[in-house]
Amino acid sequence: MKEYKTISRVAGPLVFVKKTEPVAYSDMVKVLMPNGEEKNAQVLDTSEETVVVQVFEGTAGIDLNSRIKFLNQPIKLPVSEELLGRILSGSGKPIDSGPELVADKMMDITGAAINPYSRGNPEDFIQTGVSTIDAMNTLVRGQKLPIFSASGLPHNEIALQIARQAKVVGKESNFAIVFAAMGITNEEAQRFIQDFEQTGALERSSVFLNLASDPAVERLLTPQLALTAAEYLAFEKDMHVLVILTDMTNYCESLREIGSAREEIPGRRGYPGYMYTTLANIYERAGMIKGKKGSITQLPILTMIGDDITHPIPDLTGYITEGQIVLDRELHRRNIYPPIDVLPSLSRLMNLGIGDKKTREDHKQVSDQLYAFYAEGKDLRGLVAIVGEESLSERDRKLLKFASEFENKFVKQSKSEDRNISKTLDIGWKLLSDISESELGRISPELRKKYYGRR
């Protein structure tokens, strides 16, 4: 292979190379430095005059005397069932003191969204053991359901709890977790590793960790590597794979950083105009394929900058995905874990995965009634601040109490508590039984007769 010594400029993580052979976007590149050291890189942009190369290990030490070698092949991940139980870096290298991965095959990490014609219909309930998700924002196999968090909220703890507890109920199935963390601190990485090892969740998990100290370019690779591993386990090994991506905000910040280095014209708030397409390429790799037994379910986590749900990252994510789970700072301040606010949260595929023979016959109606009473009770808190509780009717006082009981008994649970869906719905009925039966307008008389007053 030819080597080129035509570097014209180095800017941030990018190297600009003049007068080269025709090369393809995303091809692998070796940067050979004067001291004999090699660095891995990737073609980011190409034209007749210049090729732009992004370097994964940083550009420190690269000068005009460095040489460039184009490998004429895309980045590939060695895949096999040995990925389970392993902890890898954000670039796919083992960091758990284990051996190098023995590959069944090498897979191109670029991947592609699943063809809409080939998609299977999501319909199987995934039980996370978290009441607010299972009962009111149900996760369905093949869905992409993001968690909208904010700085300082326990989204990572929720992610770890779901990774430990998630399962497809009522079906014998191989269930696996692919966990990818981007831009996390060393302290967070140690906590993730410790949690996976101590709880035994690592045995069915493949973990990719990209640290904040790692180059921004590597952060763009991490979700692609994780999803490539998931696609192999799902569609070639017939596993049901739950992919947890945290934190997509760090991923988008890296996109903005690379865009600035390329001197691109910025879009909203400085993010590149193609951020929507890039996020869609990641999220749309979730789903089911007709004729294949496996599936990929995605749970991306992002922190809303300034708690702003209209910020470009959550805004664009909401367009692409099938709902959202929203964490609330006020619930967190009152020591309620997990601080999930069910009112702005939504699972658009919920109705496909619940009901008789899937969860329970009363699931949908109980969820609707809990939602209605909680919304009304929460509104009454504002009224109480103005007129006082004494001015409320007997019904309103019961709904005000219901809102508090709902938060303290239904929403609140310990980080190690794994509630099955029957227990969750029974807690819901217990709360509803404190309200007059005639008030349960969203529940049919047959179900009220069967479950009302059930303790």
Protein backbone atom coordinates (compact mmCIF):
# COMPACT_ATOMS: atom_id res chain seq x y z
CA MET A 1 0.00 0.00 0.00
CA LYS A 2 1.19 3.50 -0.79
CA GLU A 3 2.25 5.85 1.96
CA TYR A 4 1.67 9.58 1.65
CA LYS A 5 3.76 12.34 3.15
CA THR A 6 1.45 15.14 2.07
CA ILE A 7 -0.08 16.34 5.35
CA SER A 8 -0.95 20.00 4.89
CA ARG A 9 -2.60 20.85 8.21
CA VAL A 10 -3.57 19.45 11.62
CA ALA A 11 -6.65 20.91 13.34
CA GLY A 12 -7.87 19.40 16.62
CA PRO A 13 -8.45 15.69 15.98
CA LEU A 14 -8.33 16.17 12.19
CA VAL A 15 -5.47 15.76 9.71
CA PHE A 16 -5.75 17.21 6.19
CA VAL A 17 -3.93 15.25 3.46
CA LYS A 18 -3.39 16.50 -0.13
CA LYS A 19 -3.11 14.66 -3.48
CA THR A 20 -3.98 11.09 -2.59
CA GLU A 21 -5.47 8.06 -4.33
CA PRO A 22 -9.30 7.77 -4.46
CA VAL A 23 -10.49 6.67 -1.00
CA ALA A 24 -13.91 5.86 0.47
CA TYR A 25 -15.71 7.55 3.34
CA SER A 26 -15.16 5.74 6.70
CA ASP A 27 -12.13 3.76 5.45
CA MET A 28 -9.49 2.90 8.02
CA VAL A 29 -6.19 4.84 8.00
CA LYS A 30 -2.82 4.34 9.71
CA VAL A 31 -0.85 7.44 10.70
CA LEU A 32 2.89 6.59 10.87
CA MET A 33 4.77 9.08 13.02
CA PRO A 34 8.51 9.92 12.71
CA ASN A 35 9.26 8.17 16.04
CA GLY A 36 7.85 4.87 14.72
CA GLU A 37 4.55 5.13 16.61
CA GLU A 38 1.31 4.26 14.77
CA LYS A 39 -2.11 5.82 15.28
CA ASN A 40 -5.48 4.64 13.98
CA ALA A 41 -7.69 7.00 12.03
CA GLN A 42 -10.69 7.10 9.72
CA VAL A 43 -11.58 8.99 6.54
CA LEU A 44 -14.08 11.68 7.48
CA ASP A 45 -14.31 13.58 4.20
CA THR A 46 -12.83 13.21 0.75
CA SER A 47 -12.56 15.36 -2.38
CA GLU A 48 -10.33 15.56 -5.45
CA GLU A 49 -7.91 17.87 -3.65
CA THR A 50 -7.95 16.89 0.02
CA VAL A 51 -8.79 13.97 2.30
CA VAL A 52 -9.81 14.79 5.88
CA VAL A 53 -8.77 12.10 8.39
CA GLN A 54 -9.97 11.95 12.02
CA VAL A 55 -7.45 10.41 14.43
CA PHE A 56 -8.77 8.28 17.29
CA GLU A 57 -5.84 8.52 19.70
CA GLY A 58 -5.43 12.30 19.36
CA THR A 59 -3.11 14.23 17.04
CA ALA A 60 -0.33 14.99 19.57
CA GLY A 61 3.04 14.30 17.94
CA ILE A 62 1.73 14.31 14.34
CA ASP A 63 3.66 16.75 12.11
CA LEU A 64 4.24 17.36 8.40
CA ASN A 65 6.82 14.54 8.33
CA SER A 66 4.26 11.93 9.44
CA ARG A 67 3.09 9.46 6.79
CA ILE A 68 -0.44 8.35 5.94
CA LYS A 69 -1.41 4.84 4.80
CA PHE A 70 -4.94 4.12 3.53
CA LEU A 71 -6.10 0.56 4.31
CA ASN A 72 -9.05 0.58 1.84
CA GLN A 73 -11.45 -1.09 4.27
CA PRO A 74 -14.00 0.18 6.83
CA ILE A 75 -13.67 -0.23 10.60
CA LYS A 76 -14.74 -3.71 11.65
CA LEU A 77 -15.54 -5.28 15.01
CA PRO A 78 -14.54 -8.89 15.78
CA VAL A 79 -17.80 -10.53 16.90
CA SER A 80 -18.62 -13.80 18.63
CA GLU A 81 -20.62 -14.94 21.66
CA GLU A 82 -17.44 -14.21 23.65
CA LEU A 83 -18.55 -10.55 23.60
CA LEU A 84 -20.86 -11.46 26.51
CA GLY A 85 -19.15 -11.11 29.86
CA ARG A 86 -16.54 -8.71 28.48
CA ILE A 87 -15.72 -5.06 29.21
CA LEU A 88 -14.32 -3.16 26.22
CA SER A 89 -13.06 0.35 25.62
CA GLY A 90 -15.00 2.83 23.50
CA SER A 91 -12.92 1.69 20.51
CA GLY A 92 -13.69 -2.01 21.08
CA LYS A 93 -10.44 -3.10 22.78
CA PRO A 94 -10.66 -5.37 25.90
CA ILE A 95 -9.98 -3.47 29.17
CA ASP A 96 -10.97 -6.23 31.62
CA SER A 97 -7.61 -8.05 31.77
CA GLY A 98 -9.14 -10.82 29.65
CA PRO A 99 -7.74 -12.23 26.40
CA GLU A 100 -8.17 -10.69 22.97
CA LEU A 101 -11.55 -11.42 21.38
CA VAL A 102 -11.65 -14.55 19.22
CA ALA A 103 -13.81 -13.60 16.26
CA ASP A 104 -16.41 -15.74 14.52
CA LYS A 105 -16.44 -13.01 11.89
CA MET A 106 -15.58 -9.34 11.35
CA MET A 107 -18.54 -6.98 10.98
CA ASP A 108 -18.55 -3.49 9.47
CA ILE A 109 -19.59 -1.13 12.29
CA THR A 110 -21.29 1.42 10.01
CA GLY A 111 -24.46 -0.67 9.91
CA ALA A 112 -27.76 0.59 8.54
CA ALA A 113 -31.30 1.28 9.67
CA ILE A 114 -33.62 -1.72 9.35
CA ASN A 115 -35.62 -1.63 6.11
CA PRO A 116 -39.23 -0.64 7.00
CA TYR A 117 -40.61 -3.44 4.80
CA SER A 118 -38.54 -6.03 6.71
CA ARG A 119 -39.51 -4.82 10.18
CA GLY A 120 -41.50 -7.09 12.48
CA ASN A 121 -44.24 -5.68 14.71
CA PRO A 122 -43.16 -5.09 18.35
CA GLU A 123 -45.59 -6.83 20.71
CA ASP A 124 -43.73 -8.54 23.56
CA PHE A 125 -43.63 -6.93 27.02
CA ILE A 126 -40.17 -6.36 28.55
CA GLN A 127 -40.37 -6.28 32.35
CA THR A 128 -37.82 -3.88 33.86
CA GLY A 129 -38.96 -4.31 37.47
CA VAL A 130 -39.52 -0.52 37.69
CA SER A 131 -43.24 0.19 38.35
CA THR A 132 -43.47 3.56 36.59
CA ILE A 133 -42.02 2.06 33.40
CA ASP A 134 -43.75 -1.34 33.45
CA ALA A 135 -47.24 -0.09 34.34
CA MET A 136 -47.45 3.34 32.73
CA ASN A 137 -44.73 3.62 30.06
CA THR A 138 -44.34 0.00 29.08
CA LEU A 139 -41.20 -1.04 27.20
CA VAL A 140 -41.92 -3.39 24.27
CA ARG A 141 -39.40 -5.68 22.57
CA GLY A 142 -38.02 -3.93 19.48
CA GLN A 143 -38.87 -0.42 20.75
CA LYS A 144 -36.58 2.58 21.16
CA LEU A 145 -37.59 4.42 24.35
CA PRO A 146 -35.22 7.18 25.55
CA ILE A 147 -34.79 8.43 29.12
CA PHE A 148 -34.70 12.24 29.34
CA SER A 149 -32.64 13.13 32.39
CA ALA A 150 -30.75 16.19 33.63
CA SER A 151 -27.46 16.91 35.33
CA GLY A 152 -27.31 15.42 38.84
CA LEU A 153 -30.26 13.03 38.41
CA PRO A 154 -29.73 9.28 38.92
CA HIS A 155 -30.12 8.15 35.29
CA ASN A 156 -27.06 5.91 35.49
CA GLU A 157 -28.46 4.12 38.57
CA ILE A 158 -31.75 3.56 36.72
CA ALA A 159 -29.82 2.26 33.69
CA LEU A 160 -27.89 -0.21 35.87
CA GLN A 161 -31.09 -1.34 37.61
CA ILE A 162 -32.78 -2.00 34.27
CA ALA A 163 -29.67 -3.84 33.01
CA ARG A 164 -29.85 -6.14 36.07
CA GLN A 165 -33.59 -6.75 36.05
CA ALA A 166 -34.85 -6.62 32.44
CA LYS A 167 -36.43 -9.78 31.03
CA VAL A 168 -39.01 -10.88 28.44
CA VAL A 169 -41.89 -12.31 30.49
CA GLY A 170 -43.67 -15.53 29.58
CA LYS A 171 -41.23 -16.66 26.92
CA GLU A 172 -38.15 -18.84 27.08
CA SER A 173 -35.58 -16.58 25.50
CA ASN A 174 -31.90 -15.71 25.44
CA PHE A 175 -31.79 -12.19 26.85
CA ALA A 176 -28.62 -10.09 26.58
CA ILE A 177 -27.60 -6.55 27.49
CA VAL A 178 -25.27 -4.33 25.46
CA PHE A 179 -24.29 -1.36 27.63
CA ALA A 180 -22.43 1.59 26.04
CA ALA A 181 -21.29 4.59 28.10
CA MET A 182 -19.87 7.69 26.39
CA GLY A 183 -17.86 10.49 27.94
CA ILE A 184 -18.07 9.17 31.51
CA THR A 185 -15.58 9.84 34.31
CA ASN A 186 -13.19 7.22 35.68
CA GLU A 187 -15.25 7.13 38.87
CA GLU A 188 -18.45 6.37 36.94
CA ALA A 189 -16.67 3.71 34.89
CA GLN A 190 -15.47 1.96 38.06
CA ARG A 191 -19.00 2.07 39.48
CA PHE A 192 -20.44 0.52 36.32
CA ILE A 193 -17.82 -2.25 36.28
CA GLN A 194 -18.27 -2.96 40.00
CA ASP A 195 -22.07 -3.11 39.69
CA PHE A 196 -22.00 -5.46 36.70
CA GLU A 197 -19.49 -7.77 38.38
CA GLN A 198 -21.08 -7.86 41.84
CA THR A 199 -24.64 -8.47 40.65
CA GLY A 200 -23.71 -11.11 38.11
CA ALA A 201 -25.28 -9.06 35.29
CA LEU A 202 -21.93 -9.10 33.45
CA GLU A 203 -22.43 -12.75 32.43
CA ARG A 204 -25.17 -11.76 29.96
CA SER A 205 -23.76 -8.31 29.13
CA SER A 206 -21.27 -6.72 26.78
CA VAL A 207 -20.00 -3.39 28.12
CA PHE A 208 -18.37 -0.59 26.08
CA LEU A 209 -16.85 2.26 28.12
CA ASN A 210 -15.63 5.51 26.57
CA LEU A 211 -14.08 7.83 29.16
CA ALA A 212 -14.23 11.63 29.23
CA SER A 213 -10.43 11.64 28.88
CA ASP A 214 -10.61 9.61 25.65
CA PRO A 215 -10.57 11.48 22.31
CA ALA A 216 -13.90 12.93 21.16
CA VAL A 217 -13.58 11.02 17.88
CA GLU A 218 -13.66 7.68 19.72
CA ARG A 219 -16.96 8.73 21.31
CA LEU A 220 -18.55 8.71 17.85
CA LEU A 221 -17.48 5.09 17.38
CA THR A 222 -18.81 3.72 20.68
CA PRO A 223 -22.56 3.47 19.87
CA GLN A 224 -21.75 2.04 16.43
CA LEU A 225 -19.58 -0.68 17.98
CA ALA A 226 -22.24 -1.46 20.60
CA LEU A 227 -25.01 -1.71 18.01
CA THR A 228 -22.86 -3.90 15.75
CA ALA A 229 -22.36 -6.29 18.69
CA ALA A 230 -26.12 -6.17 19.34
CA GLU A 231 -26.96 -6.91 15.69
CA TYR A 232 -24.71 -9.97 15.72
CA LEU A 233 -26.20 -11.33 18.97
CA ALA A 234 -29.79 -10.56 17.88
CA PHE A 235 -29.91 -11.54 14.24
CA GLU A 236 -27.26 -14.26 14.08
CA LYS A 237 -27.52 -15.78 17.57
CA ASP A 238 -31.30 -15.29 18.04
CA MET A 239 -30.98 -13.29 21.27
CA HIS A 240 -33.26 -10.54 22.58
CA VAL A 241 -30.83 -7.68 23.12
CA LEU A 242 -31.47 -4.55 25.20
CA VAL A 243 -29.05 -1.77 24.20
CA ILE A 244 -28.52 0.96 26.82
CA LEU A 245 -26.70 4.06 25.51
CA THR A 246 -25.60 6.69 28.02
CA ASP A 247 -25.10 9.62 27.53
CA MET A 248 -26.24 10.67 24.05
CA THR A 249 -25.64 14.32 25.00
CA ASN A 250 -21.90 13.60 25.25
CA TYR A 251 -22.09 11.95 21.82
CA CYS A 252 -23.74 15.05 20.32
CA GLU A 253 -21.18 17.34 21.98
CA SER A 254 -18.47 15.35 20.20
CA LEU A 255 -20.33 15.80 16.89
CA ARG A 256 -20.30 19.56 17.51
CA GLU A 257 -16.59 19.50 18.40
CA ILE A 258 -15.67 17.64 15.19
CA GLY A 259 -17.93 19.94 13.16
CA SER A 260 -16.13 23.00 14.58
CA ALA A 261 -12.72 21.49 13.75
CA ARG A 262 -13.94 20.99 10.14
CA GLU A 263 -15.13 24.62 10.11
CA GLU A 264 -18.65 23.56 9.13
CA ILE A 265 -21.53 26.03 9.13
CA PRO A 266 -23.32 25.33 12.45
CA GLY A 267 -27.05 24.63 12.86
CA ARG A 268 -29.20 25.12 15.99
CA ARG A 269 -27.11 26.11 19.04
CA GLY A 270 -23.90 25.27 17.20
CA TYR A 271 -24.72 21.61 16.52
CA PRO A 272 -24.16 20.39 12.95
CA GLY A 273 -27.16 20.38 10.64
CA TYR A 274 -26.79 16.63 10.04
CA MET A 275 -27.21 15.75 13.74
CA TYR A 276 -30.82 14.60 13.12
CA THR A 277 -29.64 12.15 10.44
CA THR A 278 -26.78 10.91 12.61
CA LEU A 279 -29.08 10.25 15.59
CA ALA A 280 -31.62 8.55 13.31
CA ASN A 281 -28.89 6.24 11.97
CA ILE A 282 -28.26 5.10 15.57
CA TYR A 283 -31.84 4.86 16.84
CA GLU A 284 -33.23 3.17 13.70
CA ARG A 285 -30.87 0.21 14.16
CA ALA A 286 -33.31 -0.99 16.85
CA GLY A 287 -36.20 -3.27 15.99
CA MET A 288 -37.19 -6.74 14.81
CA ILE A 289 -36.74 -8.35 11.40
CA LYS A 290 -39.40 -10.63 9.91
CA GLY A 291 -38.20 -14.24 9.93
CA LYS A 292 -35.55 -13.60 12.61
CA LYS A 293 -36.06 -14.74 16.19
CA GLY A 294 -33.89 -12.08 17.82
CA SER A 295 -34.58 -8.38 18.42
CA ILE A 296 -32.87 -5.15 19.43
CA THR A 297 -34.55 -2.85 21.95
CA GLN A 298 -32.93 0.52 22.66
CA LEU A 299 -32.93 2.59 25.84
CA PRO A 300 -30.87 5.72 25.02
CA ILE A 301 -30.25 8.09 27.92
CA LEU A 302 -29.58 11.79 27.48
CA THR A 303 -29.15 14.70 29.89
CA MET A 304 -31.17 17.77 28.96
CA ILE A 305 -28.87 20.79 29.07
CA GLY A 306 -30.36 23.39 31.44
CA ASP A 307 -33.30 21.00 32.08
CA ASP A 308 -34.63 22.19 28.70
CA ILE A 309 -36.75 19.56 26.93
CA THR A 310 -36.84 21.82 23.81
CA HIS A 311 -33.03 21.67 23.50
CA PRO A 312 -32.01 20.24 20.07
CA ILE A 313 -30.80 16.88 21.46
CA PRO A 314 -34.01 15.81 23.30
CA ASP A 315 -36.12 17.58 20.67
CA LEU A 316 -34.65 15.62 17.75
CA THR A 317 -34.54 12.40 19.79
CA GLY A 318 -38.27 12.74 20.51
CA TYR A 319 -39.02 12.95 16.77
CA ILE A 320 -37.16 9.72 16.00
CA THR A 321 -38.00 7.49 18.98
CA GLU A 322 -41.27 5.97 20.22
CA GLY A 323 -41.89 8.03 23.35
CA GLN A 324 -39.79 9.17 26.29
CA ILE A 325 -39.33 8.61 30.02
CA VAL A 326 -38.78 11.92 31.81
CA LEU A 327 -36.93 12.26 35.13
CA ASP A 328 -38.06 15.03 37.49
CA ARG A 329 -35.76 17.15 39.64
CA GLU A 330 -38.49 17.91 42.22
CA LEU A 331 -39.11 14.19 42.88
CA HIS A 332 -35.36 13.67 43.23
CA ARG A 333 -35.14 16.58 45.67
CA ARG A 334 -37.76 14.82 47.81
CA ASN A 335 -35.67 11.64 47.84
CA ILE A 336 -38.05 9.66 45.61
CA TYR A 337 -36.21 7.06 43.52
CA PRO A 338 -36.58 6.53 40.61
CA PRO A 339 -37.67 10.17 40.06
CA ILE A 340 -39.76 9.35 36.96
CA ASP A 341 -42.55 11.85 36.23
CA VAL A 342 -45.29 9.80 34.55
CA LEU A 343 -47.22 12.85 33.29
CA PRO A 344 -44.84 14.03 30.51
CA SER A 345 -43.60 10.46 29.93
CA LEU A 346 -45.01 8.36 27.12
CA SER A 347 -44.55 4.96 25.47
CA ARG A 348 -46.18 5.01 22.02
CA LEU A 349 -45.99 1.23 21.65
CA MET A 350 -47.37 0.45 25.13
CA ASN A 351 -50.75 -0.83 23.90
CA LEU A 352 -49.05 -3.43 21.67
CA GLY A 353 -47.32 -5.13 24.60
CA ILE A 354 -49.93 -5.18 27.39
CA GLY A 355 -53.24 -6.84 28.18
CA ASP A 356 -54.54 -10.34 28.80
CA LYS A 357 -51.95 -13.10 28.16
CA LYS A 358 -49.18 -10.47 27.92
CA THR A 359 -49.26 -8.63 31.24
CA ARG A 360 -52.75 -8.65 32.83
CA GLU A 361 -56.27 -7.88 31.67
CA ASP A 362 -56.58 -4.80 33.90
CA HIS A 363 -53.25 -3.22 32.92
CA LYS A 364 -54.44 -0.53 30.49
CA GLN A 365 -57.43 0.63 32.56
CA VAL A 366 -55.46 0.74 35.82
CA SER A 367 -52.73 2.76 34.10
CA ASP A 368 -55.27 5.26 32.70
CA GLN A 369 -57.02 5.66 36.07
CA LEU A 370 -53.76 6.15 38.00
CA TYR A 371 -52.64 8.72 35.43
CA ALA A 372 -55.94 10.65 35.62
CA PHE A 373 -56.08 10.76 39.44
CA TYR A 374 -52.38 11.67 39.77
CA ALA A 375 -52.71 14.51 37.23
CA GLU A 376 -55.74 15.88 39.08
CA GLY A 377 -54.10 15.52 42.50
CA LYS A 378 -50.95 17.26 41.31
CA ASP A 379 -52.98 20.18 39.92
CA LEU A 380 -54.70 20.55 43.31
CA ARG A 381 -51.34 21.23 44.99
CA GLY A 382 -51.21 24.59 43.22
CA LEU A 383 -54.74 25.39 44.38
CA VAL A 384 -53.91 24.45 47.99
CA ALA A 385 -51.02 26.91 47.97
CA ILE A 386 -53.54 29.69 47.24
CA VAL A 387 -56.75 28.81 49.14
CA GLY A 388 -55.56 26.24 51.70
CA GLU A 389 -56.56 22.60 52.08
CA GLU A 390 -59.59 23.46 54.25
CA SER A 391 -61.34 24.99 51.22
CA LEU A 392 -61.19 21.73 49.26
CA SER A 393 -64.07 19.28 48.90
CA GLU A 394 -63.85 15.80 50.41
CA ARG A 395 -63.14 14.33 46.96
CA ASP A 396 -60.37 16.84 46.28
CA ARG A 397 -58.72 16.10 49.63
CA LYS A 398 -58.70 12.40 48.73
CA LEU A 399 -57.10 13.14 45.36
CA LEU A 400 -54.52 15.37 47.00
CA LYS A 401 -53.64 12.53 49.36
CA PHE A 402 -53.66 10.09 46.41
CA ALA A 403 -50.96 12.12 44.59
CA SER A 404 -48.65 11.87 47.62
CA GLU A 405 -49.38 8.18 48.17
CA PHE A 406 -48.80 7.50 44.46
CA GLU A 407 -45.34 9.09 44.62
CA ASN A 408 -44.36 7.44 47.91
CA LYS A 409 -45.72 3.93 47.32
CA PHE A 410 -45.98 3.43 43.55
CA VAL A 411 -43.19 5.59 42.08
CA LYS A 412 -40.77 5.10 44.96
CA GLN A 413 -38.90 1.82 45.21
CA SER A 414 -35.39 0.78 46.21
CA LYS A 415 -32.55 0.44 43.71
CA SER A 416 -32.49 -3.31 44.28
CA GLU A 417 -36.28 -3.88 44.23
CA ASP A 418 -37.44 -5.93 41.26
CA ARG A 419 -41.25 -5.69 41.11
CA ASN A 420 -43.06 -8.01 38.73
CA ILE A 421 -46.01 -6.58 36.79
CA SER A 422 -48.62 -8.29 39.01
CA LYS A 423 -47.15 -6.72 42.15
CA THR A 424 -47.01 -3.33 40.44
CA LEU A 425 -50.68 -3.50 39.38
CA ASP A 426 -51.70 -4.72 42.87
CA ILE A 427 -50.02 -1.64 44.39
CA GLY A 428 -52.04 0.44 41.91
CA TRP A 429 -55.31 -1.20 42.99
CA LYS A 430 -54.43 -0.65 46.65
CA LEU A 431 -54.07 3.09 45.97
CA LEU A 432 -57.28 3.19 43.91
CA SER A 433 -59.19 1.41 46.69
CA ASP A 434 -58.81 4.53 48.86
CA ILE A 435 -61.05 6.36 46.38
CA SER A 436 -64.78 5.67 46.12
CA GLU A 437 -65.48 2.88 43.60
CA SER A 438 -68.01 5.07 41.79
CA GLU A 439 -65.18 7.53 40.96
CA LEU A 440 -63.21 4.94 38.94
CA GLY A 441 -64.69 6.06 35.63
CA ARG A 442 -61.84 4.69 33.50
CA ILE A 443 -62.20 1.11 34.78
CA SER A 444 -64.96 -1.23 33.63
CA PRO A 445 -67.52 -2.55 36.18
CA GLU A 446 -66.27 -6.14 35.59
CA LEU A 447 -62.69 -5.27 36.53
CA ARG A 448 -63.80 -3.12 39.48
CA LYS A 449 -65.79 -6.07 40.81
CA LYS A 450 -62.79 -8.39 40.41
CA TYR A 451 -60.00 -6.19 41.76
CA TYR A 452 -61.41 -3.23 43.76
CA GLY A 453 -60.55 -3.47 47.44
CA ARG A 454 -57.86 -6.07 46.71
CA ARG A 455 -55.05 -5.91 49.22
